[in-house]
């Protein structure tokens, strides 16, 4: 079970820990921001975050609304707010 109580397959745990490390290092403002997330991380997690957000029925801007896929992932994680974007659906 993860920290939210959801049962997950064991093989998912390393990727989930990677996600936590990347996001929370940026949150801690230790010299890295979401703009520094590795391309591999964004490639791995953007599709998952889009799918999760779409399942909520939330208003989703198109990918073209973002300057870079990293910005879109940061928005989906609730780390980017812009006047021209809706609020991101709740994460988690």
N, C-alpha and C. Protein backbone atom coordinates (compact mmCIF):
# COMPACT_ATOMS: atom_id res chain seq x y z
N UNK A 1 0.85 -1.19 0.00
CA UNK A 1 0.00 0.00 0.00
C UNK A 1 0.89 1.25 0.00
N UNK A 2 0.40 2.26 -0.74
CA UNK A 2 1.16 3.50 -0.74
C UNK A 2 0.74 4.36 0.45
N UNK A 3 1.31 5.55 0.55
CA UNK A 3 1.03 6.41 1.70
C UNK A 3 -0.44 6.85 1.76
N UNK A 4 -1.14 6.81 0.62
CA UNK A 4 -2.55 7.15 0.58
C UNK A 4 -3.46 5.97 0.83
N UNK A 5 -2.84 4.78 1.08
CA UNK A 5 -3.61 3.59 1.37
C UNK A 5 -3.99 2.77 0.14
N UNK A 6 -3.59 3.23 -1.05
CA UNK A 6 -3.92 2.49 -2.27
C UNK A 6 -2.95 1.32 -2.46
N UNK A 7 -3.52 0.18 -2.77
CA UNK A 7 -2.69 -0.99 -3.01
C UNK A 7 -2.09 -0.89 -4.41
N UNK A 8 -0.77 -1.06 -4.50
CA UNK A 8 -0.07 -0.95 -5.77
C UNK A 8 0.82 -2.16 -5.96
N UNK A 9 1.10 -2.46 -7.22
CA UNK A 9 2.00 -3.57 -7.52
C UNK A 9 3.43 -3.21 -7.10
N UNK A 10 4.16 -4.19 -6.63
CA UNK A 10 5.52 -3.96 -6.15
C UNK A 10 6.40 -3.33 -7.22
N UNK A 11 6.24 -3.72 -8.48
CA UNK A 11 7.10 -3.18 -9.54
C UNK A 11 6.90 -1.68 -9.74
N UNK A 12 5.80 -1.10 -9.27
CA UNK A 12 5.54 0.33 -9.42
C UNK A 12 6.31 1.18 -8.40
N UNK A 13 6.75 0.58 -7.31
CA UNK A 13 7.34 1.36 -6.22
C UNK A 13 8.58 2.17 -6.60
N UNK A 14 9.56 1.61 -7.34
CA UNK A 14 10.72 2.45 -7.68
C UNK A 14 10.33 3.71 -8.47
N UNK A 15 9.43 3.57 -9.43
CA UNK A 15 9.01 4.74 -10.21
C UNK A 15 8.28 5.75 -9.33
N UNK A 16 7.48 5.26 -8.41
CA UNK A 16 6.76 6.17 -7.50
C UNK A 16 7.73 6.92 -6.59
N UNK A 17 8.76 6.24 -6.12
CA UNK A 17 9.76 6.92 -5.29
C UNK A 17 10.49 7.98 -6.10
N UNK A 18 10.81 7.66 -7.36
CA UNK A 18 11.46 8.61 -8.26
C UNK A 18 10.58 9.86 -8.40
N UNK A 19 9.29 9.64 -8.57
CA UNK A 19 8.36 10.75 -8.69
C UNK A 19 8.41 11.61 -7.43
N UNK A 20 8.33 10.99 -6.29
CA UNK A 20 8.37 11.75 -5.03
C UNK A 20 9.65 12.55 -4.88
N UNK A 21 10.78 11.94 -5.21
CA UNK A 21 12.06 12.63 -5.07
C UNK A 21 12.11 13.85 -5.99
N UNK A 22 11.78 13.68 -7.26
CA UNK A 22 11.85 14.80 -8.20
C UNK A 22 10.93 15.94 -7.80
N UNK A 23 9.69 15.61 -7.48
CA UNK A 23 8.71 16.65 -7.16
C UNK A 23 9.07 17.36 -5.86
N UNK A 24 9.42 16.60 -4.84
CA UNK A 24 9.66 17.23 -3.53
C UNK A 24 10.99 17.96 -3.44
N UNK A 25 11.98 17.55 -4.22
CA UNK A 25 13.22 18.34 -4.26
C UNK A 25 12.91 19.72 -4.83
N UNK A 26 12.09 19.77 -5.87
CA UNK A 26 11.69 21.07 -6.42
C UNK A 26 10.87 21.86 -5.39
N UNK A 27 9.98 21.18 -4.68
CA UNK A 27 9.16 21.85 -3.66
C UNK A 27 10.01 22.46 -2.54
N UNK A 28 11.11 21.81 -2.22
CA UNK A 28 11.96 22.27 -1.12
C UNK A 28 12.83 23.46 -1.50
N UNK A 29 12.83 23.83 -2.78
CA UNK A 29 13.59 24.97 -3.26
C UNK A 29 15.07 24.87 -2.88
N UNK A 30 15.66 23.74 -3.23
CA UNK A 30 17.07 23.48 -2.92
C UNK A 30 17.97 23.76 -4.12
N UNK A 31 17.53 24.63 -5.00
CA UNK A 31 18.32 24.97 -6.17
C UNK A 31 17.84 24.30 -7.44
N UNK A 32 16.86 23.42 -7.34
CA UNK A 32 16.26 22.79 -8.51
C UNK A 32 14.78 23.11 -8.52
N UNK A 33 14.25 23.31 -9.71
CA UNK A 33 12.83 23.58 -9.87
C UNK A 33 12.22 22.53 -10.78
N UNK A 34 10.93 22.64 -10.99
CA UNK A 34 10.28 21.71 -11.91
C UNK A 34 10.88 21.82 -13.31
N UNK A 35 11.39 22.98 -13.68
CA UNK A 35 11.99 23.16 -15.01
C UNK A 35 13.25 22.31 -15.18
N UNK A 36 13.81 21.83 -14.08
CA UNK A 36 15.01 21.00 -14.10
C UNK A 36 14.71 19.50 -14.12
N UNK A 37 13.44 19.12 -14.11
CA UNK A 37 13.11 17.69 -14.12
C UNK A 37 13.70 17.04 -15.36
N UNK A 38 14.29 15.87 -15.21
CA UNK A 38 14.88 15.18 -16.37
C UNK A 38 13.82 14.82 -17.41
N UNK A 39 14.24 14.84 -18.67
CA UNK A 39 13.33 14.49 -19.77
C UNK A 39 12.74 13.10 -19.57
N UNK A 40 13.53 12.17 -19.06
CA UNK A 40 13.05 10.81 -18.84
C UNK A 40 11.92 10.79 -17.81
N UNK A 41 12.05 11.62 -16.79
CA UNK A 41 11.02 11.71 -15.76
C UNK A 41 9.72 12.25 -16.37
N UNK A 42 9.84 13.33 -17.13
CA UNK A 42 8.65 13.94 -17.76
C UNK A 42 8.00 12.95 -18.72
N UNK A 43 8.80 12.26 -19.52
CA UNK A 43 8.27 11.29 -20.47
C UNK A 43 7.51 10.17 -19.72
N UNK A 44 8.08 9.73 -18.62
CA UNK A 44 7.46 8.63 -17.85
C UNK A 44 6.16 9.05 -17.17
N UNK A 45 6.12 10.26 -16.62
CA UNK A 45 5.00 10.64 -15.76
C UNK A 45 3.94 11.53 -16.42
N UNK A 46 4.25 12.19 -17.53
CA UNK A 46 3.26 13.09 -18.13
C UNK A 46 2.02 12.33 -18.60
N UNK A 47 2.20 11.23 -19.29
CA UNK A 47 1.04 10.47 -19.77
C UNK A 47 0.19 9.97 -18.61
N UNK A 48 0.85 9.51 -17.56
CA UNK A 48 0.10 9.03 -16.39
C UNK A 48 -0.70 10.16 -15.74
N UNK A 49 -0.06 11.33 -15.61
CA UNK A 49 -0.73 12.46 -14.98
C UNK A 49 -1.90 12.95 -15.83
N UNK A 50 -1.72 12.95 -17.15
CA UNK A 50 -2.84 13.33 -18.04
C UNK A 50 -4.01 12.39 -17.88
N UNK A 51 -3.70 11.10 -17.85
CA UNK A 51 -4.76 10.09 -17.72
C UNK A 51 -5.51 10.26 -16.40
N UNK A 52 -4.77 10.45 -15.32
CA UNK A 52 -5.40 10.62 -14.01
C UNK A 52 -6.27 11.87 -13.98
N UNK A 53 -5.77 12.97 -14.55
CA UNK A 53 -6.53 14.22 -14.55
C UNK A 53 -7.77 14.11 -15.42
N UNK A 54 -7.65 13.46 -16.57
CA UNK A 54 -8.80 13.29 -17.46
C UNK A 54 -9.90 12.48 -16.79
N UNK A 55 -9.51 11.52 -15.99
CA UNK A 55 -10.48 10.67 -15.29
C UNK A 55 -11.31 11.46 -14.28
N UNK A 56 -10.81 12.62 -13.86
CA UNK A 56 -11.56 13.44 -12.90
C UNK A 56 -12.66 14.26 -13.57
N UNK A 57 -12.59 14.36 -14.91
CA UNK A 57 -13.56 15.18 -15.63
C UNK A 57 -13.21 16.65 -15.61
N UNK A 58 -12.02 16.99 -15.13
CA UNK A 58 -11.60 18.39 -15.03
C UNK A 58 -11.36 18.98 -16.42
N UNK A 59 -11.50 20.29 -16.52
CA UNK A 59 -11.17 21.00 -17.76
C UNK A 59 -9.68 20.88 -18.01
N UNK A 60 -9.33 20.37 -19.18
CA UNK A 60 -7.94 20.14 -19.51
C UNK A 60 -7.53 20.98 -20.71
N UNK A 61 -6.54 21.86 -20.55
CA UNK A 61 -6.04 22.58 -21.72
C UNK A 61 -5.29 21.62 -22.64
N UNK A 62 -5.13 22.00 -23.88
CA UNK A 62 -4.36 21.17 -24.81
C UNK A 62 -2.88 21.30 -24.49
N UNK A 63 -2.11 20.36 -24.96
CA UNK A 63 -0.65 20.40 -24.74
C UNK A 63 -0.04 21.67 -25.32
N UNK A 64 -0.65 22.23 -26.37
CA UNK A 64 -0.12 23.44 -26.99
C UNK A 64 -0.23 24.66 -26.07
N UNK A 65 -1.01 24.57 -25.01
CA UNK A 65 -1.15 25.68 -24.07
C UNK A 65 0.11 25.86 -23.21
N UNK A 66 1.00 24.88 -23.26
CA UNK A 66 2.19 24.91 -22.42
C UNK A 66 3.43 25.15 -23.26
N UNK A 67 4.40 25.82 -22.66
CA UNK A 67 5.63 26.12 -23.37
C UNK A 67 6.49 24.88 -23.58
N UNK A 68 6.33 23.92 -22.70
CA UNK A 68 7.17 22.72 -22.72
C UNK A 68 6.42 21.61 -21.98
N UNK A 69 6.63 20.35 -22.34
CA UNK A 69 5.97 19.26 -21.61
C UNK A 69 6.25 19.29 -20.11
N UNK A 70 7.43 19.77 -19.72
CA UNK A 70 7.75 19.85 -18.30
C UNK A 70 6.79 20.81 -17.59
N UNK A 71 6.45 21.91 -18.24
CA UNK A 71 5.50 22.86 -17.65
C UNK A 71 4.12 22.22 -17.51
N UNK A 72 3.72 21.43 -18.51
CA UNK A 72 2.43 20.77 -18.41
C UNK A 72 2.39 19.80 -17.22
N UNK A 73 3.45 19.02 -17.05
CA UNK A 73 3.50 18.10 -15.91
C UNK A 73 3.48 18.87 -14.60
N UNK A 74 4.22 19.96 -14.53
CA UNK A 74 4.22 20.77 -13.31
C UNK A 74 2.83 21.33 -13.04
N UNK A 75 2.10 21.72 -14.09
CA UNK A 75 0.72 22.20 -13.91
C UNK A 75 -0.16 21.06 -13.39
N UNK A 76 -0.02 19.88 -13.98
CA UNK A 76 -0.83 18.74 -13.53
C UNK A 76 -0.54 18.39 -12.08
N UNK A 77 0.69 18.62 -11.65
CA UNK A 77 1.06 18.37 -10.25
C UNK A 77 0.69 19.55 -9.34
N UNK A 78 0.10 20.59 -9.90
CA UNK A 78 -0.30 21.74 -9.10
C UNK A 78 0.85 22.66 -8.75
N UNK A 79 1.92 22.63 -9.54
CA UNK A 79 3.10 23.45 -9.27
C UNK A 79 3.19 24.67 -10.17
N UNK A 80 2.29 24.80 -11.13
CA UNK A 80 2.28 25.94 -12.04
C UNK A 80 0.87 26.51 -12.07
N UNK A 81 0.78 27.82 -11.90
CA UNK A 81 -0.50 28.51 -12.06
C UNK A 81 -0.25 29.67 -13.01
N UNK A 82 -1.12 29.77 -14.00
CA UNK A 82 -1.06 30.88 -14.95
C UNK A 82 -2.48 31.39 -15.13
N UNK A 83 -2.59 32.69 -15.39
CA UNK A 83 -3.91 33.30 -15.57
C UNK A 83 -4.67 32.71 -16.75
N UNK A 84 -3.96 32.21 -17.76
CA UNK A 84 -4.62 31.69 -18.94
C UNK A 84 -4.93 30.19 -18.86
N UNK A 85 -4.69 29.59 -17.71
CA UNK A 85 -4.96 28.16 -17.52
C UNK A 85 -5.97 27.96 -16.39
N UNK A 86 -6.80 26.93 -16.50
CA UNK A 86 -7.67 26.63 -15.35
C UNK A 86 -6.82 26.09 -14.21
N UNK A 87 -7.41 26.04 -13.04
CA UNK A 87 -6.71 25.40 -11.94
C UNK A 87 -6.55 23.91 -12.25
N UNK A 88 -5.43 23.37 -11.89
CA UNK A 88 -5.19 21.95 -12.13
C UNK A 88 -6.11 21.12 -11.24
N UNK A 89 -6.51 19.95 -11.73
CA UNK A 89 -7.32 19.09 -10.86
C UNK A 89 -6.50 18.66 -9.65
N UNK A 90 -7.15 18.33 -8.55
CA UNK A 90 -6.40 17.92 -7.35
C UNK A 90 -5.48 16.73 -7.67
N UNK A 91 -4.30 16.78 -7.13
CA UNK A 91 -3.34 15.70 -7.35
C UNK A 91 -3.36 14.75 -6.19
N UNK A 92 -3.37 13.47 -6.53
CA UNK A 92 -3.24 12.45 -5.48
C UNK A 92 -4.48 11.83 -5.04
